[in-house]
PDB file of N, CA and C in Angstrom:
ATOM      1  N   MET A   1      96.976 104.988 120.852  1.00  0.00           N
ATOM      2  CA  MET A   1      96.593 105.969 119.858  1.00  0.00           C
ATOM      3  C   MET A   1      97.717 106.074 118.838  1.00  0.00           C
ATOM      4  N   GLU A   2      97.329 106.493 117.645  1.00  0.00           N
ATOM      5  CA  GLU A   2      98.334 106.567 116.591  1.00  0.00           C
ATOM      6  C   GLU A   2      98.125 107.768 115.682  1.00  0.00           C
ATOM      7  N   ILE A   3      99.212 108.117 114.988  1.00  0.00           N
ATOM      8  CA  ILE A   3      99.202 109.139 113.941  1.00  0.00           C
ATOM      9  C   ILE A   3      99.779 108.457 112.709  1.00  0.00           C
ATOM     10  N   ASP A   4      99.063 108.553 111.588  1.00  0.00           N
ATOM     11  CA  ASP A   4      99.572 107.934 110.367  1.00  0.00           C
ATOM     12  C   ASP A   4      99.307 108.814 109.160  1.00  0.00           C
ATOM     13  N   GLY A   5     100.038 108.536 108.095  1.00  0.00           N
ATOM     14  CA  GLY A   5      99.870 109.302 106.868  1.00  0.00           C
ATOM     15  C   GLY A   5     100.746 108.761 105.765  1.00  0.00           C
ATOM     16  N   GLN A   6     100.928 109.581 104.745  1.00  0.00           N
ATOM     17  CA  GLN A   6     101.700 109.185 103.573  1.00  0.00           C
ATOM     18  C   GLN A   6     102.510 110.366 103.068  1.00  0.00           C
ATOM     19  N   VAL A   7     103.666 110.058 102.502  1.00  0.00           N
ATOM     20  CA  VAL A   7     104.487 111.023 101.775  1.00  0.00           C
ATOM     21  C   VAL A   7     104.411 110.594 100.316  1.00  0.00           C
ATOM     22  N   TYR A   8     104.071 111.553  99.429  1.00  0.00           N
ATOM     23  CA  TYR A   8     103.858 111.181  98.023  1.00  0.00           C
ATOM     24  C   TYR A   8     104.294 112.289  97.074  1.00  0.00           C
ATOM     25  N   VAL A   9     104.425 111.905  95.794  1.00  0.00           N
ATOM     26  CA  VAL A   9     104.748 112.840  94.721  1.00  0.00           C
ATOM     27  C   VAL A   9     103.475 113.602  94.370  1.00  0.00           C
ATOM     28  N   ASP A  10     103.557 114.933  94.338  1.00  0.00           N
ATOM     29  CA  ASP A  10     102.384 115.771  94.085  1.00  0.00           C
ATOM     30  C   ASP A  10     102.145 115.951  92.582  1.00  0.00           C
ATOM     31  N   ALA A  11     102.049 114.839  91.879  1.00  0.00           N
ATOM     32  CA  ALA A  11     101.768 114.823  90.440  1.00  0.00           C
ATOM     33  C   ALA A  11     101.295 113.420  90.082  1.00  0.00           C
ATOM     34  N   SER A  12     100.467 113.333  89.068  1.00  0.00           N
ATOM     35  CA  SER A  12      99.935 112.050  88.640  1.00  0.00           C
ATOM     36  C   SER A  12     101.085 111.093  88.335  1.00  0.00           C
ATOM     37  N   PRO A  13     101.060 109.872  88.808  1.00  0.00           N
ATOM     38  CA  PRO A  13      99.974 109.151  89.471  1.00  0.00           C
ATOM     39  C   PRO A  13     100.026 109.227  91.003  1.00  0.00           C
ATOM     40  N   TRP A  14     100.640 110.251  91.575  1.00  0.00           N
ATOM     41  CA  TRP A  14     100.693 110.462  93.022  1.00  0.00           C
ATOM     42  C   TRP A  14     101.286 109.263  93.761  1.00  0.00           C
ATOM     43  N   SER A  15     102.461 108.861  93.320  1.00  0.00           N
ATOM     44  CA  SER A  15     103.157 107.706  93.901  1.00  0.00           C
ATOM     45  C   SER A  15     103.682 108.020  95.295  1.00  0.00           C
ATOM     46  N   GLY A  16     103.655 107.007  96.163  1.00  0.00           N
ATOM     47  CA  GLY A  16     104.237 107.144  97.487  1.00  0.00           C
ATOM     48  C   GLY A  16     105.753 107.224  97.398  1.00  0.00           C
ATOM     49  N   LEU A  17     106.350 107.941  98.354  1.00  0.00           N
ATOM     50  CA  LEU A  17     107.808 108.092  98.402  1.00  0.00           C
ATOM     51  C   LEU A  17     108.369 107.259  99.551  1.00  0.00           C
ATOM     52  N   ALA A  18     109.162 106.257  99.209  1.00  0.00           N
ATOM     53  CA  ALA A  18     109.750 105.361 100.204  1.00  0.00           C
ATOM     54  C   ALA A  18     110.990 105.978 100.839  1.00  0.00           C
ATOM     55  N   ASN A  19     111.262 105.563 102.058  1.00  0.00           N
ATOM     56  CA  ASN A  19     112.481 105.916 102.786  1.00  0.00           C
ATOM     57  C   ASN A  19     112.615 107.402 103.103  1.00  0.00           C
ATOM     58  N   TRP A  20     111.473 108.061 103.357  1.00  0.00           N
ATOM     59  CA  TRP A  20     111.500 109.449 103.817  1.00  0.00           C
ATOM     60  C   TRP A  20     111.337 109.442 105.334  1.00  0.00           C
ATOM     61  N   CYS A  21     112.051 110.320 106.008  1.00  0.00           N
ATOM     62  CA  CYS A  21     112.009 110.412 107.460  1.00  0.00           C
ATOM     63  C   CYS A  21     110.884 111.357 107.897  1.00  0.00           C
ATOM     64  N   ILE A  22     110.054 110.884 108.823  1.00  0.00           N
ATOM     65  CA  ILE A  22     108.995 111.688 109.421  1.00  0.00           C
ATOM     66  C   ILE A  22     109.325 111.819 110.904  1.00  0.00           C
ATOM     67  N   GLN A  23     109.325 113.065 111.400  1.00  0.00           N
ATOM     68  CA  GLN A  23     109.691 113.327 112.782  1.00  0.00           C
ATOM     69  C   GLN A  23     108.466 113.704 113.608  1.00  0.00           C
ATOM     70  N   LEU A  24     108.440 113.229 114.833  1.00  0.00           N
ATOM     71  CA  LEU A  24     107.362 113.495 115.775  1.00  0.00           C
ATOM     72  C   LEU A  24     107.963 114.121 117.028  1.00  0.00           C
ATOM     73  N   THR A  25     107.386 115.252 117.468  1.00  0.00           N
ATOM     74  CA  THR A  25     107.787 115.849 118.739  1.00  0.00           C
ATOM     75  C   THR A  25     106.539 116.088 119.571  1.00  0.00           C
ATOM     76  N   GLY A  26     106.671 115.953 120.869  1.00  0.00           N
ATOM     77  CA  GLY A  26     105.543 116.116 121.780  1.00  0.00           C
ATOM     78  C   GLY A  26     105.810 115.329 123.044  1.00  0.00           C
ATOM     79  N   PRO A  27     104.753 114.831 123.704  1.00  0.00           N
ATOM     80  CA  PRO A  27     104.948 114.020 124.905  1.00  0.00           C
ATOM     81  C   PRO A  27     105.861 112.817 124.640  1.00  0.00           C
ATOM     82  N   VAL A  28     105.822 112.300 123.427  1.00  0.00           N
ATOM     83  CA  VAL A  28     106.753 111.265 122.959  1.00  0.00           C
ATOM     84  C   VAL A  28     107.347 111.807 121.666  1.00  0.00           C
ATOM     85  N   SER A  29     108.653 111.708 121.522  1.00  0.00           N
ATOM     86  CA  SER A  29     109.303 112.167 120.297  1.00  0.00           C
ATOM     87  C   SER A  29     109.993 110.988 119.634  1.00  0.00           C
ATOM     88  N   GLY A  30     110.124 111.068 118.306  1.00  0.00           N
ATOM     89  CA  GLY A  30     110.788 109.998 117.582  1.00  0.00           C
ATOM     90  C   GLY A  30     110.747 110.257 116.094  1.00  0.00           C
ATOM     91  N   ALA A  31     111.217 109.289 115.344  1.00  0.00           N
ATOM     92  CA  ALA A  31     111.229 109.385 113.894  1.00  0.00           C
ATOM     93  C   ALA A  31     110.982 108.006 113.306  1.00  0.00           C
ATOM     94  N   VAL A  32     110.290 107.986 112.178  1.00  0.00           N
ATOM     95  CA  VAL A  32     110.064 106.748 111.437  1.00  0.00           C
ATOM     96  C   VAL A  32     110.391 107.008 109.975  1.00  0.00           C
ATOM     97  N   THR A  33     110.563 105.941 109.221  1.00  0.00           N
ATOM     98  CA  THR A  33     110.844 106.024 107.796  1.00  0.00           C
ATOM     99  C   THR A  33     109.646 105.461 107.029  1.00  0.00           C
ATOM    100  N   THR A  34     109.277 106.125 105.943  1.00  0.00           N
ATOM    101  CA  THR A  34     108.143 105.647 105.151  1.00  0.00           C
ATOM    102  C   THR A  34     108.468 104.299 104.512  1.00  0.00           C
ATOM    103  N   ASP A  35     107.399 103.507 104.331  1.00  0.00           N
ATOM    104  CA  ASP A  35     107.553 102.188 103.712  1.00  0.00           C
ATOM    105  C   ASP A  35     107.582 102.311 102.194  1.00  0.00           C
ATOM    106  N   ALA A  36     107.543 101.195 101.491  1.00  0.00           N
ATOM    107  CA  ALA A  36     107.641 101.177 100.030  1.00  0.00           C
ATOM    108  C   ALA A  36     106.521 101.958  99.351  1.00  0.00           C
ATOM    109  N   SER A  37     105.378 102.126 100.044  1.00  0.00           N
ATOM    110  CA  SER A  37     104.252 102.873  99.487  1.00  0.00           C
ATOM    111  C   SER A  37     104.190 104.315  99.991  1.00  0.00           C
ATOM    112  N   GLY A  38     105.189 104.722 100.771  1.00  0.00           N
ATOM    113  CA  GLY A  38     105.221 106.077 101.305  1.00  0.00           C
ATOM    114  C   GLY A  38     104.440 106.258 102.588  1.00  0.00           C
ATOM    115  N   ASN A  39     103.955 105.167 103.167  1.00  0.00           N
ATOM    116  CA  ASN A  39     103.148 105.248 104.388  1.00  0.00           C
ATOM    117  C   ASN A  39     104.026 105.226 105.635  1.00  0.00           C
ATOM    118  N   TYR A  40     103.526 105.876 106.697  1.00  0.00           N
ATOM    119  CA  TYR A  40     104.202 105.838 107.984  1.00  0.00           C
ATOM    120  C   TYR A  40     103.157 105.773 109.095  1.00  0.00           C
ATOM    121  N   ILE A  41     103.611 105.351 110.283  1.00  0.00           N
ATOM    122  CA  ILE A  41     102.710 105.289 111.436  1.00  0.00           C
ATOM    123  C   ILE A  41     103.521 105.433 112.722  1.00  0.00           C
ATOM    124  N   PHE A  42     103.008 106.247 113.627  1.00  0.00           N
ATOM    125  CA  PHE A  42     103.492 106.320 115.002  1.00  0.00           C
ATOM    126  C   PHE A  42     102.376 105.714 115.848  1.00  0.00           C
ATOM    127  N   SER A  43     102.653 104.659 116.592  1.00  0.00           N
ATOM    128  CA  SER A  43     101.607 104.006 117.379  1.00  0.00           C
ATOM    129  C   SER A  43     101.993 103.967 118.849  1.00  0.00           C
ATOM    130  N   GLY A  44     101.010 103.651 119.684  1.00  0.00           N
ATOM    131  CA  GLY A  44     101.245 103.569 121.113  1.00  0.00           C
ATOM    132  C   GLY A  44     101.479 104.924 121.758  1.00  0.00           C
ATOM    133  N   LEU A  45     100.875 105.980 121.194  1.00  0.00           N
ATOM    134  CA  LEU A  45     101.109 107.337 121.692  1.00  0.00           C
ATOM    135  C   LEU A  45     100.172 107.676 122.854  1.00  0.00           C
ATOM    136  N   PRO A  46     100.688 108.383 123.856  1.00  0.00           N
ATOM    137  CA  PRO A  46      99.815 108.891 124.912  1.00  0.00           C
ATOM    138  C   PRO A  46      99.119 110.172 124.438  1.00  0.00           C
ATOM    139  N   ALA A  47      98.076 110.566 125.163  1.00  0.00           N
ATOM    140  CA  ALA A  47      97.380 111.811 124.845  1.00  0.00           C
ATOM    141  C   ALA A  47      98.356 112.988 124.939  1.00  0.00           C
ATOM    142  N   GLY A  48      98.082 114.023 124.154  1.00  0.00           N
ATOM    143  CA  GLY A  48      98.914 115.224 124.176  1.00  0.00           C
ATOM    144  C   GLY A  48      98.945 115.875 122.814  1.00  0.00           C
ATOM    145  N   THR A  49      99.703 116.954 122.719  1.00  0.00           N
ATOM    146  CA  THR A  49      99.830 117.688 121.461  1.00  0.00           C
ATOM    147  C   THR A  49     101.171 117.375 120.826  1.00  0.00           C
ATOM    148  N   TYR A  50     101.123 117.048 119.543  1.00  0.00           N
ATOM    149  CA  TYR A  50     102.296 116.633 118.787  1.00  0.00           C
ATOM    150  C   TYR A  50     102.500 117.515 117.562  1.00  0.00           C
ATOM    151  N   THR A  51     103.757 117.612 117.129  1.00  0.00           N
ATOM    152  CA  THR A  51     104.086 118.233 115.856  1.00  0.00           C
ATOM    153  C   THR A  51     104.688 117.151 114.975  1.00  0.00           C
ATOM    154  N   VAL A  52     104.201 117.069 113.728  1.00  0.00           N
ATOM    155  CA  VAL A  52     104.690 116.088 112.761  1.00  0.00           C
ATOM    156  C   VAL A  52     105.335 116.849 111.605  1.00  0.00           C
ATOM    157  N   CYS A  53     106.586 116.508 111.282  1.00  0.00           N
ATOM    158  CA  CYS A  53     107.328 117.154 110.196  1.00  0.00           C
ATOM    159  C   CYS A  53     107.974 116.079 109.322  1.00  0.00           C
ATOM    160  N   GLU A  54     108.195 116.429 108.065  1.00  0.00           N
ATOM    161  CA  GLU A  54     108.978 115.541 107.203  1.00  0.00           C
ATOM    162  C   GLU A  54     110.373 116.137 107.040  1.00  0.00           C
ATOM    163  N   VAL A  55     111.331 115.265 106.762  1.00  0.00           N
ATOM    164  CA  VAL A  55     112.685 115.697 106.452  1.00  0.00           C
ATOM    165  C   VAL A  55     112.825 115.643 104.939  1.00  0.00           C
ATOM    166  N   LEU A  56     112.958 116.812 104.324  1.00  0.00           N
ATOM    167  CA  LEU A  56     113.044 116.854 102.859  1.00  0.00           C
ATOM    168  C   LEU A  56     114.317 116.183 102.367  1.00  0.00           C
ATOM    169  N   GLN A  57     114.196 115.488 101.263  1.00  0.00           N
ATOM    170  CA  GLN A  57     115.374 114.905 100.628  1.00  0.00           C
ATOM    171  C   GLN A  57     115.915 115.879  99.581  1.00  0.00           C
ATOM    172  N   THR A  58     117.171 115.715  99.240  1.00  0.00           N
ATOM    173  CA  THR A  58     117.845 116.597  98.289  1.00  0.00           C
ATOM    174  C   THR A  58     117.069 116.684  96.979  1.00  0.00           C
ATOM    175  N   ASN A  59     116.963 117.906  96.452  1.00  0.00           N
ATOM    176  CA  ASN A  59     116.305 118.209  95.169  1.00  0.00           C
ATOM    177  C   ASN A  59     114.794 118.047  95.199  1.00  0.00           C
ATOM    178  N   TRP A  60     114.179 118.075  96.379  1.00  0.00           N
ATOM    179  CA  TRP A  60     112.723 118.022  96.516  1.00  0.00           C
ATOM    180  C   TRP A  60     112.253 119.273  97.240  1.00  0.00           C
ATOM    181  N   HIS A  61     111.001 119.680  97.009  1.00  0.00           N
ATOM    182  CA  HIS A  61     110.382 120.732  97.808  1.00  0.00           C
ATOM    183  C   HIS A  61     108.958 120.326  98.159  1.00  0.00           C
ATOM    184  N   GLU A  62     108.539 120.768  99.351  1.00  0.00           N
ATOM    185  CA  GLU A  62     107.224 120.415  99.863  1.00  0.00           C
ATOM    186  C   GLU A  62     106.152 121.286  99.226  1.00  0.00           C
ATOM    187  N   THR A  63     105.056 120.662  98.805  1.00  0.00           N
ATOM    188  CA  THR A  63     103.926 121.394  98.224  1.00  0.00           C
ATOM    189  C   THR A  63     102.678 121.319  99.106  1.00  0.00           C
ATOM    190  N   PHE A  64     102.648 120.382 100.057  1.00  0.00           N
ATOM    191  CA  PHE A  64     101.521 120.251 100.973  1.00  0.00           C
ATOM    192  C   PHE A  64     102.017 119.618 102.261  1.00  0.00           C
ATOM    193  N   PRO A  65     101.615 120.119 103.425  1.00  0.00           N
ATOM    194  CA  PRO A  65     100.607 121.146 103.666  1.00  0.00           C
ATOM    195  C   PRO A  65     101.121 122.544 103.322  1.00  0.00           C
ATOM    196  N   SER A  66     100.201 123.467 103.113  1.00  0.00           N
ATOM    197  CA  SER A  66     100.576 124.834 102.724  1.00  0.00           C
ATOM    198  C   SER A  66     100.575 125.789 103.909  1.00  0.00           C
ATOM    199  N   SER A  67     100.238 125.278 105.086  1.00  0.00           N
ATOM    200  CA  SER A  67     100.307 126.088 106.306  1.00  0.00           C
ATOM    201  C   SER A  67     100.415 125.140 107.491  1.00  0.00           C
ATOM    202  N   GLY A  68     100.739 125.692 108.637  1.00  0.00           N
ATOM    203  CA  GLY A  68     100.894 124.886 109.836  1.00  0.00           C
ATOM    204  C   GLY A  68     102.165 125.276 110.543  1.00  0.00           C
ATOM    205  N   PRO A  69     102.554 124.498 111.547  1.00  0.00           N
ATOM    206  CA  PRO A  69     103.791 124.814 112.254  1.00  0.00           C
ATOM    207  C   PRO A  69     104.990 124.722 111.313  1.00  0.00           C
ATOM    208  N   GLY A  70     105.941 125.609 111.490  1.00  0.00           N
ATOM    209  CA  GLY A  70     107.129 125.600 110.643  1.00  0.00           C
ATOM    210  C   GLY A  70     108.019 124.408 110.923  1.00  0.00           C
ATOM    211  N   CYS A  71     108.470 123.776 109.859  1.00  0.00           N
ATOM    212  CA  CYS A  71     109.427 122.672 109.935  1.00  0.00           C
ATOM    213  C   CYS A  71     110.626 123.066 109.073  1.00  0.00           C
ATOM    214  N   ALA A  72     111.699 122.332 109.191  1.00  0.00           N
ATOM    215  CA  ALA A  72     112.912 122.667 108.440  1.00  0.00           C
ATOM    216  C   ALA A  72     112.663 122.752 106.937  1.00  0.00           C
ATOM    217  N   GLY A  73     111.803 121.880 106.389  1.00  0.00           N
ATOM    218  CA  GLY A  73     111.598 121.847 104.945  1.00  0.00           C
ATOM    219  C   GLY A  73     110.323 122.505 104.476  1.00  0.00           C
ATOM    220  N   GLY A  74     109.548 123.058 105.381  1.00  0.00           N
ATOM    221  CA  GLY A  74     108.265 123.647 104.980  1.00  0.00           C
ATOM    222  C   GLY A  74     107.337 123.703 106.171  1.00  0.00           C
ATOM    223  N   PHE A  75     106.144 123.147 106.015  1.00  0.00           N
ATOM    224  CA  PHE A  75     105.164 123.143 107.093  1.00  0.00           C
ATOM    225  C   PHE A  75     104.903 121.726 107.577  1.00  0.00           C
ATOM    226  N   GLY A  76     104.367 121.628 108.783  1.00  0.00           N
ATOM    227  CA  GLY A  76     103.999 120.342 109.348  1.00  0.00           C
ATOM    228  C   GLY A  76     102.597 120.415 109.902  1.00  0.00           C
ATOM    229  N   TYR A  77     102.347 119.583 110.861  1.00  0.00           N
ATOM    230  CA  TYR A  77     101.023 119.489 111.471  1.00  0.00           C
ATOM    231  C   TYR A  77     101.152 119.584 112.988  1.00  0.00           C
ATOM    232  N   SER A  78     100.178 120.223 113.608  1.00  0.00           N
ATOM    233  CA  SER A  78     100.029 120.194 115.051  1.00  0.00           C
ATOM    234  C   SER A  78      98.763 119.392 115.339  1.00  0.00           C
ATOM    235  N   ILE A  79      98.909 118.330 116.114  1.00  0.00           N
ATOM    236  CA  ILE A  79      97.812 117.397 116.348  1.00  0.00           C
ATOM    237  C   ILE A  79      97.663 117.170 117.844  1.00  0.00           C
ATOM    238  N   THR A  80      96.449 117.310 118.327  1.00  0.00           N
ATOM    239  CA  THR A  80      96.167 117.005 119.735  1.00  0.00           C
ATOM    240  C   THR A  80      95.374 115.714 119.809  1.00  0.00           C
ATOM    241  N   LEU A  81      95.963 114.735 120.474  1.00  0.00           N
ATOM    242  CA  LEU A  81      95.297 113.449 120.681  1.00  0.00           C
ATOM    243  C   LEU A  81      94.670 113.442 122.067  1.00  0.00           C
ATOM    244  N   ILE A  82      93.414 113.008 122.130  1.00  0.00           N
ATOM    245  CA  ILE A  82      92.767 112.786 123.414  1.00  0.00           C
ATOM    246  C   ILE A  82      92.554 111.288 123.555  1.00  0.00           C
ATOM    247  N   ASP A  83      92.342 110.837 124.769  1.00  0.00           N
ATOM    248  CA  ASP A  83      92.204 109.400 125.003  1.00  0.00           C
ATOM    249  C   ASP A  83      91.218 108.761 124.030  1.00  0.00           C
ATOM    250  N   GLY A  84      91.670 107.704 123.383  1.00  0.00           N
ATOM    251  CA  GLY A  84      90.821 106.965 122.460  1.00  0.00           C
ATOM    252  C   GLY A  84      90.801 107.519 121.043  1.00  0.00           C
ATOM    253  N   SER A  85      91.551 108.576 120.786  1.00  0.00           N
ATOM    254  CA  SER A  85      91.532 109.176 119.449  1.00  0.00           C
ATOM    255  C   SER A  85      92.804 108.830 118.683  1.00  0.00           C
ATOM    256  N   GLY A  86      92.810 109.177 117.431  1.00  0.00           N
ATOM    257  CA  GLY A  86      93.978 109.026 116.585  1.00  0.00           C
ATOM    258  C   GLY A  86      93.869 110.040 115.467  1.00  0.00           C
ATOM    259  N   ALA A  87      94.879 110.113 114.641  1.00  0.00           N
ATOM    260  CA  ALA A  87      94.861 111.042 113.513  1.00  0.00           C
ATOM    261  C   ALA A  87      95.397 110.320 112.283  1.00  0.00           C
ATOM    262  N   SER A  88      94.608 110.350 111.204  1.00  0.00           N
ATOM    263  CA  SER A  88      94.999 109.704 109.951  1.00  0.00           C
ATOM    264  C   SER A  88      95.046 110.728 108.834  1.00  0.00           C
ATOM    265  N   PHE A  89      95.638 110.344 107.718  1.00  0.00           N
ATOM    266  CA  PHE A  89      95.781 111.196 106.539  1.00  0.00           C
ATOM    267  C   PHE A  89      96.607 112.443 106.846  1.00  0.00           C
ATOM    268  N   ILE A  90      97.634 112.262 107.683  1.00  0.00           N
ATOM    269  CA  ILE A  90      98.563 113.346 107.981  1.00  0.00           C
ATOM    270  C   ILE A  90      99.648 113.244 106.905  1.00  0.00           C
ATOM    271  N   ASP A  91      99.301 113.789 105.726  1.00  0.00           N
ATOM    272  CA  ASP A  91     100.071 113.558 104.504  1.00  0.00           C
ATOM    273  C   ASP A  91     100.985 114.721 104.146  1.00  0.00           C
ATOM    274  N   PHE A  92     102.049 114.394 103.414  1.00  0.00           N
ATOM    275  CA  PHE A  92     102.993 115.370 102.881  1.00  0.00           C
ATOM    276  C   PHE A  92     103.137 115.128 101.383  1.00  0.00           C
ATOM    277  N   ALA A  93     103.014 116.202 100.589  1.00  0.00           N
ATOM    278  CA  ALA A  93     103.193 116.105  99.135  1.00  0.00           C
ATOM    279  C   ALA A  93     104.448 116.864  98.746  1.00  0.00           C
ATOM    280  N   ASN A  94     105.170 116.332  97.773  1.00  0.00           N
ATOM    281  CA  ASN A  94     106.453 116.900  97.367  1.00  0.00           C
ATOM    282  C   ASN A  94     106.637 116.805  95.862  1.00  0.00           C
ATOM    283  N   LEU A  95     107.460 117.721  95.348  1.00  0.00           N
ATOM    284  CA  LEU A  95     107.849 117.697  93.943  1.00  0.00           C
ATOM    285  C   LEU A  95     109.354 117.825  93.849  1.00  0.00           C
ATOM    286  N   SER A  96     109.917 117.206  92.838  1.00  0.00           N
ATOM    287  CA  SER A  96     111.333 117.357  92.533  1.00  0.00           C
ATOM    288  C   SER A  96     111.418 118.323  91.361  1.00  0.00           C
ATOM    289  N   PRO A  97     112.118 119.456  91.565  1.00  0.00           N
ATOM    290  CA  PRO A  97     112.129 120.492  90.501  1.00  0.00           C
ATOM    291  C   PRO A  97     112.664 119.972  89.181  1.00  0.00           C
TER     292      PRO A  97
END
């Protein structure tokens, strides 16, 4: 099972943000870095409940999600995976002031 999504600029043309750290906590914990298009993926996950957070970079602020579990830079996601399931479009939007 996997959890995937994108980190992007919350303004046209909504470009992906490369080299952002995404953290996962739950039955398996870890961190990945977004690729050149801002995409990330955690794969090979067992069933369970996970929290997904982004690590904000200097001079940026999170604009989406607007609610959810608290993370250091804003909000994240709480996701429960059951056998055979996955979660996609677990996205984070950001703006640089």
